[in-house]
Amino acid sequence: RSDRDRDSEGAPPAIGLTSRVLLVLAAVITRLPRRSRAWLGRRLGDRAYIVLAGRRRMALTNIESAFPDLAPADRRRICRGSFQHLGLMLVEFASLLTQPPERSLEGIVLEGLDHLQKTMAIHGRALVLSAHLGNWEFLALSHQLMGFPASVVVRPLDAPGLDSLAERLRTRAGVELIDKRGALRPVLGALRRGRLVALLLDQNASRREGIFASFFGRPASTPKSLAVLALRTRTPVVPMFIYRTGIDRHRVVIHPPLFVEDAPDAEGAVADLTQRCTSAIEAAIRVAPDQWMWIHNRWRTQPLAPVGSDRP
């Protein structure tokens, strides 16, 4: 068995010097009063808003495209709020990394759990659709309140030190980690074992891996993996999103499942389900737009220009 298999059963992965320093810093942050931690998180976000000019411009461009009718001041408010949200996430990670998971679970409220319970009772497994909305690491932790084992498909971070911390955080949450690279077989195995399998579907996909879906009125290359899995295994997709209601306080909303519907061809079925998933994500973001990751270039991959067009 691999080291990751052993880690998923509760043993935290080995960490290097950089990660150890960050863990010490996290322990110091966790000792601060809640109000002080909230202040610190927002100020970290404000600093990033000023320093990361390129990311700020990208976020503002994305927000303007998604909400063209909003006044410029309101778009800037959403943008700054999204940076503060990321700062608050960093502070909340400190508690996830250093405190017993039970402490963090005290701040999570579930809504719509009956949708998931009914799905699991009938089908015995579910694909969970989510996004980089709210503190998605708390969403991974919240499966312990739902009563079902969970696996999460993840892409390793480029920075080894941060990746080891992220793996430690998710291991403490009690989820099984599945590397996005070569995920098909372990995902099928997890579904056969009656687990929830969660995928985040709100980031740009390459032209080879994606299919275009309308997202805030623009074509966005979206991973088709979740739809392909749902169709292949006849597994319902349960949209599930988390919103921050305060520092270390979160609300998880579980929506009715998206069922696989018959279509004349497999390609059409994949396109239809991918669009329904994308629409669910858009609706969730509209609830709290300042808690989504606008700094990501979600619309980077665009449809090819028709042959013979004047586009360069």
C-alpha atoms as a PDB file:
ATOM      1  CA  ARG A   1       0.000   0.000   0.000  1.00  0.00           C
ATOM      2  CA  SER A   2       1.155   3.530  -0.777  1.00  0.00           C
ATOM      3  CA  ASP A   3       2.142   6.166   1.766  1.00  0.00           C
ATOM      4  CA  ARG A   4      -0.888   8.174   0.712  1.00  0.00           C
ATOM      5  CA  ASP A   5      -3.163   5.239   1.543  1.00  0.00           C
ATOM      6  CA  ARG A   6      -1.671   5.102   5.039  1.00  0.00           C
ATOM      7  CA  ASP A   7      -1.943   8.890   5.382  1.00  0.00           C
ATOM      8  CA  SER A   8      -5.642   8.807   4.464  1.00  0.00           C
ATOM      9  CA  GLU A   9      -6.236   6.594   7.482  1.00  0.00           C
ATOM     10  CA  GLY A  10      -5.130   9.306   9.870  1.00  0.00           C
ATOM     11  CA  ALA A  11      -1.321   9.463   9.931  1.00  0.00           C
ATOM     12  CA  PRO A  12      -0.253  12.985   8.886  1.00  0.00           C
ATOM     13  CA  PRO A  13       2.290  13.107   6.053  1.00  0.00           C
ATOM     14  CA  ALA A  14       5.899  13.969   6.771  1.00  0.00           C
ATOM     15  CA  ILE A  15       6.674  17.677   6.500  1.00  0.00           C
ATOM     16  CA  GLY A  16       9.817  19.677   5.829  1.00  0.00           C
ATOM     17  CA  LEU A  17      11.400  22.641   7.590  1.00  0.00           C
ATOM     18  CA  THR A  18       9.317  25.273   5.801  1.00  0.00           C
ATOM     19  CA  SER A  19       6.120  23.468   6.718  1.00  0.00           C
ATOM     20  CA  ARG A  20       7.242  23.159  10.330  1.00  0.00           C
ATOM     21  CA  VAL A  21       7.823  26.897  10.541  1.00  0.00           C
ATOM     22  CA  LEU A  22       4.360  27.512   9.080  1.00  0.00           C
ATOM     23  CA  LEU A  23       2.839  25.123  11.609  1.00  0.00           C
ATOM     24  CA  VAL A  24       4.451  27.066  14.464  1.00  0.00           C
ATOM     25  CA  LEU A  25       3.063  30.290  12.996  1.00  0.00           C
ATOM     26  CA  ALA A  26      -0.350  28.642  12.690  1.00  0.00           C
ATOM     27  CA  ALA A  27      -0.247  27.663  16.360  1.00  0.00           C
ATOM     28  CA  VAL A  28       0.494  31.273  17.325  1.00  0.00           C
ATOM     29  CA  ILE A  29      -2.397  32.577  15.191  1.00  0.00           C
ATOM     30  CA  THR A  30      -4.802  30.043  16.685  1.00  0.00           C
ATOM     31  CA  ARG A  31      -4.108  31.387  20.179  1.00  0.00           C
ATOM     32  CA  LEU A  32      -5.382  34.840  19.216  1.00  0.00           C
ATOM     33  CA  PRO A  33      -8.957  35.814  20.168  1.00  0.00           C
ATOM     34  CA  ARG A  34     -11.474  35.234  17.382  1.00  0.00           C
ATOM     35  CA  ARG A  35     -11.970  38.946  16.737  1.00  0.00           C
ATOM     36  CA  SER A  36      -8.214  39.481  16.453  1.00  0.00           C
ATOM     37  CA  ARG A  37      -7.897  36.575  14.031  1.00  0.00           C
ATOM     38  CA  ALA A  38     -10.668  38.030  11.885  1.00  0.00           C
ATOM     39  CA  TRP A  39      -8.921  41.413  11.859  1.00  0.00           C
ATOM     40  CA  LEU A  40      -5.627  39.784  10.912  1.00  0.00           C
ATOM     41  CA  GLY A  41      -7.206  37.782   8.086  1.00  0.00           C
ATOM     42  CA  ARG A  42      -8.872  40.826   6.563  1.00  0.00           C
ATOM     43  CA  ARG A  43      -5.691  42.899   6.785  1.00  0.00           C
ATOM     44  CA  LEU A  44      -3.749  40.114   5.060  1.00  0.00           C
ATOM     45  CA  GLY A  45      -6.364  40.220   2.310  1.00  0.00           C
ATOM     46  CA  ASP A  46      -6.121  44.015   2.065  1.00  0.00           C
ATOM     47  CA  ARG A  47      -2.350  43.747   1.731  1.00  0.00           C
ATOM     48  CA  ALA A  48      -2.687  41.188  -1.057  1.00  0.00           C
ATOM     49  CA  TYR A  49      -5.264  43.415  -2.775  1.00  0.00           C
ATOM     50  CA  ILE A  50      -2.683  46.206  -2.948  1.00  0.00           C
ATOM     51  CA  VAL A  51       0.457  44.182  -3.674  1.00  0.00           C
ATOM     52  CA  LEU A  52      -0.907  41.647  -6.178  1.00  0.00           C
ATOM     53  CA  ALA A  53      -1.874  44.201  -8.802  1.00  0.00           C
ATOM     54  CA  GLY A  54      -2.065  41.685 -11.645  1.00  0.00           C
ATOM     55  CA  ARG A  55      -4.414  39.414  -9.725  1.00  0.00           C
ATOM     56  CA  ARG A  56      -6.494  42.409  -8.667  1.00  0.00           C
ATOM     57  CA  ARG A  57      -6.878  43.528 -12.283  1.00  0.00           C
ATOM     58  CA  MET A  58      -7.858  40.015 -13.348  1.00  0.00           C
ATOM     59  CA  ALA A  59     -10.438  39.774 -10.573  1.00  0.00           C
ATOM     60  CA  LEU A  60     -11.950  43.157 -11.449  1.00  0.00           C
ATOM     61  CA  THR A  61     -12.115  42.204 -15.133  1.00  0.00           C
ATOM     62  CA  ASN A  62     -13.851  38.933 -14.285  1.00  0.00           C
ATOM     63  CA  ILE A  63     -16.316  40.628 -11.926  1.00  0.00           C
ATOM     64  CA  GLU A  64     -17.138  43.288 -14.518  1.00  0.00           C
ATOM     65  CA  SER A  65     -17.815  40.579 -17.100  1.00  0.00           C
ATOM     66  CA  ALA A  66     -19.986  38.559 -14.710  1.00  0.00           C
ATOM     67  CA  PHE A  67     -21.894  41.559 -13.317  1.00  0.00           C
ATOM     68  CA  PRO A  68     -21.922  44.186 -16.083  1.00  0.00           C
ATOM     69  CA  ASP A  69     -24.837  46.068 -14.518  1.00  0.00           C
ATOM     70  CA  LEU A  70     -23.063  46.653 -11.198  1.00  0.00           C
ATOM     71  CA  ALA A  71     -21.617  50.071 -10.460  1.00  0.00           C
ATOM     72  CA  PRO A  72     -17.783  50.231 -10.452  1.00  0.00           C
ATOM     73  CA  ALA A  73     -17.785  50.867  -6.691  1.00  0.00           C
ATOM     74  CA  ASP A  74     -19.810  47.700  -6.097  1.00  0.00           C
ATOM     75  CA  ARG A  75     -17.458  45.670  -8.294  1.00  0.00           C
ATOM     76  CA  ARG A  76     -14.477  46.966  -6.324  1.00  0.00           C
ATOM     77  CA  ARG A  77     -16.268  46.067  -3.091  1.00  0.00           C
ATOM     78  CA  ILE A  78     -16.749  42.470  -4.267  1.00  0.00           C
ATOM     79  CA  CYS A  79     -13.135  42.320  -5.416  1.00  0.00           C
ATOM     80  CA  ARG A  80     -11.715  43.603  -2.141  1.00  0.00           C
ATOM     81  CA  GLY A  81     -14.062  41.328  -0.219  1.00  0.00           C
ATOM     82  CA  SER A  82     -12.799  38.318  -2.174  1.00  0.00           C
ATOM     83  CA  PHE A  83      -9.205  39.182  -1.217  1.00  0.00           C
ATOM     84  CA  GLN A  84     -10.226  39.561   2.416  1.00  0.00           C
ATOM     85  CA  HIS A  85     -11.988  36.211   2.140  1.00  0.00           C
ATOM     86  CA  LEU A  86      -8.703  34.591   1.068  1.00  0.00           C
ATOM     87  CA  GLY A  87      -6.956  36.220   4.022  1.00  0.00           C
ATOM     88  CA  LEU A  88      -9.602  34.863   6.379  1.00  0.00           C
ATOM     89  CA  MET A  89      -9.117  31.424   4.855  1.00  0.00           C
ATOM     90  CA  LEU A  90      -5.415  31.525   5.732  1.00  0.00           C
ATOM     91  CA  VAL A  91      -6.290  32.325   9.336  1.00  0.00           C
ATOM     92  CA  GLU A  92      -8.889  29.563   9.423  1.00  0.00           C
ATOM     93  CA  PHE A  93      -6.367  27.078   8.037  1.00  0.00           C
ATOM     94  CA  ALA A  94      -4.353  27.717  11.194  1.00  0.00           C
ATOM     95  CA  SER A  95      -7.132  26.280  13.349  1.00  0.00           C
ATOM     96  CA  LEU A  96      -7.636  23.317  11.014  1.00  0.00           C
ATOM     97  CA  LEU A  97      -3.932  22.510  11.170  1.00  0.00           C
ATOM     98  CA  THR A  98      -3.430  22.826  14.910  1.00  0.00           C
ATOM     99  CA  GLN A  99      -6.734  22.178  16.700  1.00  0.00           C
ATOM    100  CA  PRO A 100      -8.667  18.914  17.057  1.00  0.00           C
ATOM    101  CA  PRO A 101     -11.133  18.579  14.144  1.00  0.00           C
ATOM    102  CA  GLU A 102     -13.992  18.434  16.650  1.00  0.00           C
ATOM    103  CA  ARG A 103     -13.354  22.100  17.536  1.00  0.00           C
ATOM    104  CA  SER A 104     -13.745  23.171  13.911  1.00  0.00           C
ATOM    105  CA  LEU A 105     -16.829  21.001  13.429  1.00  0.00           C
ATOM    106  CA  GLU A 106     -18.583  22.980  16.170  1.00  0.00           C
ATOM    107  CA  GLY A 107     -18.741  25.964  13.833  1.00  0.00           C
ATOM    108  CA  ILE A 108     -20.332  24.160  10.854  1.00  0.00           C
ATOM    109  CA  VAL A 109     -24.078  24.061  10.200  1.00  0.00           C
ATOM    110  CA  LEU A 110     -25.627  21.767   7.577  1.00  0.00           C
ATOM    111  CA  GLU A 111     -28.656  22.585   5.449  1.00  0.00           C
ATOM    112  CA  GLY A 112     -30.342  20.069   3.152  1.00  0.00           C
ATOM    113  CA  LEU A 113     -28.742  16.960   4.639  1.00  0.00           C
ATOM    114  CA  ASP A 114     -31.902  15.030   3.779  1.00  0.00           C
ATOM    115  CA  HIS A 115     -31.078  15.393   0.064  1.00  0.00           C
ATOM    116  CA  LEU A 116     -27.798  13.552   0.581  1.00  0.00           C
ATOM    117  CA  GLN A 117     -29.246  10.963   2.937  1.00  0.00           C
ATOM    118  CA  LYS A 118     -31.989  10.075   0.464  1.00  0.00           C
ATOM    119  CA  THR A 119     -29.503   9.844  -2.413  1.00  0.00           C
ATOM    120  CA  MET A 120     -27.210   7.549  -0.437  1.00  0.00           C
ATOM    121  CA  ALA A 121     -30.115   5.399   0.733  1.00  0.00           C
ATOM    122  CA  ILE A 122     -31.253   4.811  -2.846  1.00  0.00           C
ATOM    123  CA  HIS A 123     -27.963   4.702  -4.761  1.00  0.00           C
ATOM    124  CA  GLY A 124     -25.371   3.916  -2.090  1.00  0.00           C
ATOM    125  CA  ARG A 125     -22.893   6.449  -3.526  1.00  0.00           C
ATOM    126  CA  ALA A 126     -22.774  10.026  -4.810  1.00  0.00           C
ATOM    127  CA  LEU A 127     -20.592  12.389  -6.782  1.00  0.00           C
ATOM    128  CA  VAL A 128     -20.311  15.723  -4.972  1.00  0.00           C
ATOM    129  CA  LEU A 129     -20.124  18.882  -7.066  1.00  0.00           C
ATOM    130  CA  SER A 130     -18.489  21.878  -5.448  1.00  0.00           C
ATOM    131  CA  ALA A 131     -16.305  24.909  -6.161  1.00  0.00           C
ATOM    132  CA  HIS A 132     -13.651  27.195  -4.710  1.00  0.00           C
ATOM    133  CA  LEU A 133     -16.380  29.037  -2.858  1.00  0.00           C
ATOM    134  CA  GLY A 134     -16.313  29.807   0.843  1.00  0.00           C
ATOM    135  CA  ASN A 135     -13.683  27.839   2.744  1.00  0.00           C
ATOM    136  CA  TRP A 136     -13.768  24.617   0.759  1.00  0.00           C
ATOM    137  CA  GLU A 137     -11.370  22.914   3.189  1.00  0.00           C
ATOM    138  CA  PHE A 138     -14.056  23.190   5.875  1.00  0.00           C
ATOM    139  CA  LEU A 139     -16.429  21.592   3.385  1.00  0.00           C
ATOM    140  CA  ALA A 140     -14.101  18.578   3.246  1.00  0.00           C
ATOM    141  CA  LEU A 141     -14.147  18.427   7.038  1.00  0.00           C
ATOM    142  CA  SER A 142     -17.940  18.686   7.181  1.00  0.00           C
ATOM    143  CA  HIS A 143     -18.416  15.189   5.740  1.00  0.00           C
ATOM    144  CA  GLN A 144     -17.856  13.945   9.298  1.00  0.00           C
ATOM    145  CA  LEU A 145     -21.183  15.569  10.223  1.00  0.00           C
ATOM    146  CA  MET A 146     -22.920  13.921   7.261  1.00  0.00           C
ATOM    147  CA  GLY A 147     -22.114  10.384   8.322  1.00  0.00           C
ATOM    148  CA  PHE A 148     -20.634   9.162   5.021  1.00  0.00           C
ATOM    149  CA  PRO A 149     -16.993   8.463   4.085  1.00  0.00           C
ATOM    150  CA  ALA A 150     -15.602  10.870   1.515  1.00  0.00           C
ATOM    151  CA  SER A 151     -12.888  10.988  -1.123  1.00  0.00           C
ATOM    152  CA  VAL A 152     -11.676  14.204  -2.754  1.00  0.00           C
ATOM    153  CA  VAL A 153     -10.009  14.519  -6.151  1.00  0.00           C
ATOM    154  CA  VAL A 154      -7.132  16.992  -5.799  1.00  0.00           C
ATOM    155  CA  ARG A 155      -4.328  18.426  -7.893  1.00  0.00           C
ATOM    156  CA  PRO A 156      -1.009  18.596  -5.994  1.00  0.00           C
ATOM    157  CA  LEU A 157       0.220  22.153  -5.452  1.00  0.00           C
ATOM    158  CA  ASP A 158       3.317  23.283  -7.304  1.00  0.00           C
ATOM    159  CA  ALA A 159       5.114  24.337  -4.090  1.00  0.00           C
ATOM    160  CA  PRO A 160       6.158  21.160  -2.193  1.00  0.00           C
ATOM    161  CA  GLY A 161       6.057  22.865   1.212  1.00  0.00           C
ATOM    162  CA  LEU A 162       2.536  24.163   0.735  1.00  0.00           C
ATOM    163  CA  ASP A 163       1.438  20.878  -0.818  1.00  0.00           C
ATOM    164  CA  SER A 164       2.560  18.919   2.232  1.00  0.00           C
ATOM    165  CA  LEU A 165       0.607  21.293   4.475  1.00  0.00           C
ATOM    166  CA  ALA A 166      -2.472  20.983   2.268  1.00  0.00           C
ATOM    167  CA  GLU A 167      -2.205  17.197   2.387  1.00  0.00           C
ATOM    168  CA  ARG A 168      -1.831  17.289   6.154  1.00  0.00           C
ATOM    169  CA  LEU A 169      -4.880  19.534   6.436  1.00  0.00           C
ATOM    170  CA  ARG A 170      -7.034  17.229   4.309  1.00  0.00           C
ATOM    171  CA  THR A 171      -5.777  14.152   6.118  1.00  0.00           C
ATOM    172  CA  ARG A 172      -6.823  15.702   9.432  1.00  0.00           C
ATOM    173  CA  ALA A 173     -10.243  16.263   7.873  1.00  0.00           C
ATOM    174  CA  GLY A 174     -10.509  12.489   7.464  1.00  0.00           C
ATOM    175  CA  VAL A 175     -10.943  12.400   3.693  1.00  0.00           C
ATOM    176  CA  GLU A 176      -9.312  10.019   1.238  1.00  0.00           C
ATOM    177  CA  LEU A 177      -7.186  11.941  -1.276  1.00  0.00           C
ATOM    178  CA  ILE A 178      -7.205  10.968  -4.951  1.00  0.00           C
ATOM    179  CA  ASP A 179      -4.578  12.508  -7.210  1.00  0.00           C
ATOM    180  CA  LYS A 180      -6.202  14.135 -10.222  1.00  0.00           C
ATOM    181  CA  ARG A 181      -3.549  12.516 -12.423  1.00  0.00           C
ATOM    182  CA  GLY A 182      -4.753   8.998 -13.104  1.00  0.00           C
ATOM    183  CA  ALA A 183      -7.843   9.428 -10.938  1.00  0.00           C
ATOM    184  CA  LEU A 184     -10.244   7.235 -12.915  1.00  0.00           C
ATOM    185  CA  ARG A 185      -9.501   3.855 -11.321  1.00  0.00           C
ATOM    186  CA  PRO A 186      -9.375   5.065  -7.681  1.00  0.00           C
ATOM    187  CA  VAL A 187     -12.549   7.128  -8.199  1.00  0.00           C
ATOM    188  CA  LEU A 188     -14.405   4.102  -9.574  1.00  0.00           C
ATOM    189  CA  GLY A 189     -13.124   2.089  -6.622  1.00  0.00           C
ATOM    190  CA  ALA A 190     -14.303   4.715  -4.137  1.00  0.00           C
ATOM    191  CA  LEU A 191     -17.771   4.740  -5.677  1.00  0.00           C
ATOM    192  CA  ARG A 192     -17.931   0.947  -5.523  1.00  0.00           C
ATOM    193  CA  ARG A 193     -17.119   1.181  -1.822  1.00  0.00           C
ATOM    194  CA  GLY A 194     -20.078   3.490  -1.246  1.00  0.00           C
ATOM    195  CA  ARG A 195     -18.177   6.728  -0.719  1.00  0.00           C
ATOM    196  CA  LEU A 196     -18.880  10.341  -1.572  1.00  0.00           C
ATOM    197  CA  VAL A 197     -16.457  11.473  -4.268  1.00  0.00           C
ATOM    198  CA  ALA A 198     -16.040  15.253  -4.465  1.00  0.00           C
ATOM    199  CA  LEU A 199     -14.757  17.260  -7.419  1.00  0.00           C
ATOM    200  CA  LEU A 200     -14.350  21.032  -7.710  1.00  0.00           C
ATOM    201  CA  LEU A 201     -15.513  22.047 -11.161  1.00  0.00           C
ATOM    202  CA  ASP A 202     -14.964  25.799 -11.328  1.00  0.00           C
ATOM    203  CA  GLN A 203     -11.464  26.143 -12.802  1.00  0.00           C
ATOM    204  CA  ASN A 204     -10.373  26.478 -16.410  1.00  0.00           C
ATOM    205  CA  ALA A 205      -9.820  23.177 -18.214  1.00  0.00           C
ATOM    206  CA  SER A 206      -7.495  22.575 -21.116  1.00  0.00           C
ATOM    207  CA  ARG A 207      -9.071  22.182 -24.523  1.00  0.00           C
ATOM    208  CA  ARG A 208      -8.365  18.427 -24.370  1.00  0.00           C
ATOM    209  CA  GLU A 209      -9.914  17.901 -20.919  1.00  0.00           C
ATOM    210  CA  GLY A 210     -12.788  20.341 -21.104  1.00  0.00           C
ATOM    211  CA  ILE A 211     -16.095  21.079 -22.732  1.00  0.00           C
ATOM    212  CA  PHE A 212     -17.533  24.575 -23.139  1.00  0.00           C
ATOM    213  CA  ALA A 213     -20.392  25.578 -20.878  1.00  0.00           C
ATOM    214  CA  SER A 214     -22.023  28.951 -20.333  1.00  0.00           C
ATOM    215  CA  PHE A 215     -20.750  30.523 -17.108  1.00  0.00           C
ATOM    216  CA  PHE A 216     -22.006  34.031 -16.295  1.00  0.00           C
ATOM    217  CA  GLY A 217     -22.979  34.348 -19.946  1.00  0.00           C
ATOM    218  CA  ARG A 218     -19.554  33.463 -21.360  1.00  0.00           C
ATOM    219  CA  PRO A 219     -18.227  30.156 -22.732  1.00  0.00           C
ATOM    220  CA  ALA A 220     -15.952  28.579 -20.131  1.00  0.00           C
ATOM    221  CA  SER A 221     -13.892  25.451 -20.729  1.00  0.00           C
ATOM    222  CA  THR A 222     -15.114  23.153 -17.954  1.00  0.00           C
ATOM    223  CA  PRO A 223     -13.749  19.751 -16.901  1.00  0.00           C
ATOM    224  CA  LYS A 224     -15.996  17.046 -18.334  1.00  0.00           C
ATOM    225  CA  SER A 225     -14.685  14.406 -15.931  1.00  0.00           C
ATOM    226  CA  LEU A 226     -17.570  14.623 -13.464  1.00  0.00           C
ATOM    227  CA  ALA A 227     -20.226  14.232 -16.172  1.00  0.00           C
ATOM    228  CA  VAL A 228     -18.349  11.335 -17.764  1.00  0.00           C
ATOM    229  CA  LEU A 229     -18.102   9.581 -14.385  1.00  0.00           C
ATOM    230  CA  ALA A 230     -21.773  10.176 -13.596  1.00  0.00           C
ATOM    231  CA  LEU A 231     -22.865   8.772 -16.953  1.00  0.00           C
ATOM    232  CA  ARG A 232     -20.523   5.802 -16.815  1.00  0.00           C
ATOM    233  CA  THR A 233     -21.532   4.768 -13.302  1.00  0.00           C
ATOM    234  CA  ARG A 234     -25.125   6.091 -13.312  1.00  0.00           C
ATOM    235  CA  THR A 235     -24.304   8.007 -10.140  1.00  0.00           C
ATOM    236  CA  PRO A 236     -26.277  11.146  -9.175  1.00  0.00           C
ATOM    237  CA  VAL A 237     -24.422  14.428  -8.697  1.00  0.00           C
ATOM    238  CA  VAL A 238     -25.119  16.281  -5.441  1.00  0.00           C
ATOM    239  CA  PRO A 239     -24.238  20.012  -5.530  1.00  0.00           C
ATOM    240  CA  MET A 240     -22.772  21.066  -2.195  1.00  0.00           C
ATOM    241  CA  PHE A 241     -21.388  24.493  -1.283  1.00  0.00           C
ATOM    242  CA  ILE A 242     -20.096  26.207   1.828  1.00  0.00           C
ATOM    243  CA  TYR A 243     -20.404  29.846   2.920  1.00  0.00           C
ATOM    244  CA  ARG A 244     -18.607  31.667   5.702  1.00  0.00           C
ATOM    245  CA  THR A 245     -20.940  33.206   8.276  1.00  0.00           C
ATOM    246  CA  GLY A 246     -18.146  34.371  10.595  1.00  0.00           C
ATOM    247  CA  ILE A 247     -14.578  33.506  11.539  1.00  0.00           C
ATOM    248  CA  ASP A 248     -14.524  29.700  11.932  1.00  0.00           C
ATOM    249  CA  ARG A 249     -18.286  29.726  11.340  1.00  0.00           C
ATOM    250  CA  HIS A 250     -19.674  28.120   8.169  1.00  0.00           C
ATOM    251  CA  ARG A 251     -22.935  27.044   6.557  1.00  0.00           C
ATOM    252  CA  VAL A 252     -22.945  24.033   4.217  1.00  0.00           C
ATOM    253  CA  VAL A 253     -25.832  23.939   1.745  1.00  0.00           C
ATOM    254  CA  ILE A 254     -26.646  20.558   0.166  1.00  0.00           C
ATOM    255  CA  HIS A 255     -28.875  20.780  -2.901  1.00  0.00           C
ATOM    256  CA  PRO A 256     -31.146  18.154  -4.498  1.00  0.00           C
ATOM    257  CA  PRO A 257     -29.205  15.770  -6.754  1.00  0.00           C
ATOM    258  CA  LEU A 258     -28.713  16.257 -10.481  1.00  0.00           C
ATOM    259  CA  PHE A 259     -29.696  12.954 -12.022  1.00  0.00           C
ATOM    260  CA  VAL A 260     -28.168  11.525 -15.170  1.00  0.00           C
ATOM    261  CA  GLU A 261     -30.660  11.888 -17.979  1.00  0.00           C
ATOM    262  CA  ASP A 262     -30.849   9.815 -21.123  1.00  0.00           C
ATOM    263  CA  ALA A 263     -29.703  11.505 -24.324  1.00  0.00           C
ATOM    264  CA  PRO A 264     -29.489  10.401 -27.976  1.00  0.00           C
ATOM    265  CA  ASP A 265     -25.706  10.412 -27.790  1.00  0.00           C
ATOM    266  CA  ALA A 266     -23.091  10.280 -25.055  1.00  0.00           C
ATOM    267  CA  GLU A 267     -21.494  13.564 -26.103  1.00  0.00           C
ATOM    268  CA  GLY A 268     -24.790  15.379 -25.777  1.00  0.00           C
ATOM    269  CA  ALA A 269     -25.397  13.867 -22.350  1.00  0.00           C
ATOM    270  CA  VAL A 270     -21.949  14.963 -21.144  1.00  0.00           C
ATOM    271  CA  ALA A 271     -22.536  18.481 -22.458  1.00  0.00           C
ATOM    272  CA  ASP A 272     -25.973  18.706 -20.822  1.00  0.00           C
ATOM    273  CA  LEU A 273     -24.828  17.527 -17.396  1.00  0.00           C
ATOM    274  CA  THR A 274     -21.709  19.711 -17.495  1.00  0.00           C
ATOM    275  CA  GLN A 275     -23.887  22.728 -18.216  1.00  0.00           C
ATOM    276  CA  ARG A 276     -26.247  21.867 -15.362  1.00  0.00           C
ATOM    277  CA  CYS A 277     -23.270  21.566 -13.013  1.00  0.00           C
ATOM    278  CA  THR A 278     -21.857  24.878 -14.212  1.00  0.00           C
ATOM    279  CA  SER A 279     -25.211  26.594 -13.767  1.00  0.00           C
ATOM    280  CA  ALA A 280     -25.415  25.235 -10.202  1.00  0.00           C
ATOM    281  CA  ILE A 281     -21.979  26.690  -9.440  1.00  0.00           C
ATOM    282  CA  GLU A 282     -22.937  30.064 -10.913  1.00  0.00           C
ATOM    283  CA  ALA A 283     -26.107  30.178  -8.809  1.00  0.00           C
ATOM    284  CA  ALA A 284     -24.093  29.354  -5.682  1.00  0.00           C
ATOM    285  CA  ILE A 285     -21.557  32.113  -6.410  1.00  0.00           C
ATOM    286  CA  ARG A 286     -24.326  34.673  -6.859  1.00  0.00           C
ATOM    287  CA  VAL A 287     -25.352  34.027  -3.233  1.00  0.00           C
ATOM    288  CA  ALA A 288     -21.962  35.281  -1.952  1.00  0.00           C
ATOM    289  CA  PRO A 289     -19.854  36.623  -4.837  1.00  0.00           C
ATOM    290  CA  ASP A 290     -17.196  37.977  -2.498  1.00  0.00           C
ATOM    291  CA  GLN A 291     -16.420  34.408  -1.354  1.00  0.00           C
ATOM    292  CA  TRP A 292     -15.420  33.061  -4.779  1.00  0.00           C
ATOM    293  CA  MET A 293     -11.886  33.019  -6.189  1.00  0.00           C
ATOM    294  CA  TRP A 294     -12.148  35.713  -8.871  1.00  0.00           C
ATOM    295  CA  ILE A 295      -8.353  35.900  -9.212  1.00  0.00           C
ATOM    296  CA  HIS A 296      -8.383  32.682 -11.269  1.00  0.00           C
ATOM    297  CA  ASN A 297      -8.485  33.141 -15.061  1.00  0.00           C
ATOM    298  CA  ARG A 298     -11.624  31.035 -15.436  1.00  0.00           C
ATOM    299  CA  TRP A 299     -12.199  31.994 -19.080  1.00  0.00           C
ATOM    300  CA  ARG A 300      -8.606  31.556 -20.302  1.00  0.00           C
ATOM    301  CA  THR A 301      -9.416  28.804 -22.816  1.00  0.00           C
ATOM    302  CA  GLN A 302     -11.843  30.078 -25.434  1.00  0.00           C
ATOM    303  CA  PRO A 303     -13.535  28.375 -28.396  1.00  0.00           C
ATOM    304  CA  LEU A 304     -11.485  28.296 -31.562  1.00  0.00           C
ATOM    305  CA  ALA A 305     -12.426  30.827 -34.213  1.00  0.00           C
ATOM    306  CA  PRO A 306     -14.376  29.334 -37.115  1.00  0.00           C
ATOM    307  CA  VAL A 307     -12.312  28.520 -40.182  1.00  0.00           C
ATOM    308  CA  GLY A 308     -12.228  31.522 -42.502  1.00  0.00           C
ATOM    309  CA  SER A 309     -13.142  34.068 -39.832  1.00  0.00           C
ATOM    310  CA  ASP A 310     -11.287  37.349 -39.536  1.00  0.00           C
ATOM    311  CA  ARG A 311     -10.261  36.711 -35.933  1.00  0.00           C
ATOM    312  CA  PRO A 312      -6.464  36.571 -35.486  1.00  0.00           C
END
